[in-house]
Amino acid sequence: MKIEKKVWPEFFQKIITGEKTFELRLADFKCSPKDTLVLKEWDPKTKKYTGRILEKKVTYVIQTKDLKFWTQKEIEKYGFQIIAFK
């Protein structure tokens, strides 16, 4: 399955250089190993895509509800997922 997600420029660039090899996302969608993560660079200042796109194979997914980046309501409903890719 292909899953498309926005990525802000500073994180997109770290993925390109290989420094960042995972994604932390709200678990409001299904994601499994062997899926393809289509990462589209999104500029939050202009609220537009930059046109740069990466495709990464998902190798591992773990879900948890212990982190506090989103509202408590969202966390209780979805939990989290950390997505590793190569």
Protein backbone atom coordinates (compact mmCIF):
# COMPACT_ATOMS: atom_id res chain seq x y z
CA MET A 1 0.00 0.00 0.00
CA LYS A 2 1.19 3.56 -0.70
CA ILE A 3 0.68 6.13 2.05
CA GLU A 4 1.16 9.84 1.30
CA LYS A 5 2.21 12.24 4.08
CA LYS A 6 3.39 15.83 4.31
CA VAL A 7 6.86 16.50 5.72
CA TRP A 8 8.20 19.92 6.72
CA PRO A 9 11.40 21.05 4.92
CA GLU A 10 13.81 20.65 7.86
CA PHE A 11 12.74 17.03 8.38
CA PHE A 12 12.55 16.29 4.65
CA GLN A 13 16.17 17.38 4.21
CA LYS A 14 17.32 15.14 7.10
CA ILE A 15 15.60 12.20 5.44
CA ILE A 16 17.42 12.98 2.17
CA THR A 17 20.82 13.04 3.92
CA GLY A 18 20.07 9.79 5.76
CA GLU A 19 20.25 11.44 9.18
CA LYS A 20 16.55 10.73 9.82
CA THR A 21 15.32 7.20 9.08
CA PHE A 22 11.97 7.16 10.88
CA GLU A 23 8.68 9.04 11.16
CA LEU A 24 6.68 9.77 14.29
CA ARG A 25 3.03 10.14 13.31
CA LEU A 26 -0.36 10.18 14.91
CA ALA A 27 -1.69 6.64 14.41
CA ASP A 28 -4.81 7.84 12.59
CA PHE A 29 -4.01 5.67 9.56
CA LYS A 30 -2.98 2.06 9.00
CA CYS A 31 0.68 1.43 8.20
CA SER A 32 2.51 -1.91 7.96
CA PRO A 33 5.96 -3.20 7.02
CA LYS A 34 6.40 -3.39 3.21
CA ASP A 35 4.08 -0.40 2.67
CA THR A 36 5.55 2.54 0.74
CA LEU A 37 5.64 5.87 2.51
CA VAL A 38 5.36 8.71 -0.03
CA LEU A 39 6.80 11.77 1.68
CA LYS A 40 5.90 15.12 0.11
CA GLU A 41 7.78 18.20 1.26
CA TRP A 42 5.31 20.77 2.61
CA ASP A 43 6.21 24.35 3.46
CA PRO A 44 4.12 25.43 6.48
CA LYS A 45 4.88 29.12 5.77
CA THR A 46 3.45 29.11 2.25
CA LYS A 47 1.03 26.24 2.95
CA LYS A 48 2.10 24.62 -0.32
CA TYR A 49 3.98 21.56 -1.47
CA THR A 50 7.50 22.29 -2.72
CA GLY A 51 7.38 19.59 -5.40
CA ARG A 52 10.03 17.39 -3.77
CA ILE A 53 8.88 13.81 -3.09
CA LEU A 54 10.58 10.77 -1.57
CA GLU A 55 9.37 7.18 -1.47
CA LYS A 56 10.54 4.97 1.42
CA LYS A 57 9.77 1.33 2.20
CA VAL A 58 8.33 0.82 5.68
CA THR A 59 10.42 -1.73 7.59
CA TYR A 60 8.96 -1.53 11.10
CA VAL A 61 5.99 0.08 12.87
CA ILE A 62 5.46 0.44 16.62
CA GLN A 63 2.47 2.10 18.26
CA THR A 64 2.36 3.71 21.71
CA LYS A 65 0.26 6.16 23.71
CA ASP A 66 2.99 7.48 26.02
CA LEU A 67 4.15 10.67 24.20
CA LYS A 68 2.52 14.14 24.41
CA PHE A 69 2.83 15.90 21.01
CA TRP A 70 -0.90 15.90 20.23
CA THR A 71 -4.01 16.63 22.24
CA GLN A 72 -5.02 14.10 24.87
CA LYS A 73 -8.22 13.45 22.93
CA GLU A 74 -6.27 12.57 19.76
CA ILE A 75 -3.81 10.40 21.71
CA GLU A 76 -6.61 8.49 23.41
CA LYS A 77 -8.37 7.95 20.11
CA TYR A 78 -5.39 6.97 17.92
CA GLY A 79 -2.19 6.49 19.94
CA PHE A 80 1.12 6.95 18.07
CA GLN A 81 3.18 5.14 15.50
CA ILE A 82 6.87 5.39 14.82
CA ILE A 83 7.70 4.39 11.27
CA ALA A 84 11.20 3.19 10.34
CA PHE A 85 12.21 3.13 6.69
CA LYS A 86 15.16 2.62 4.36
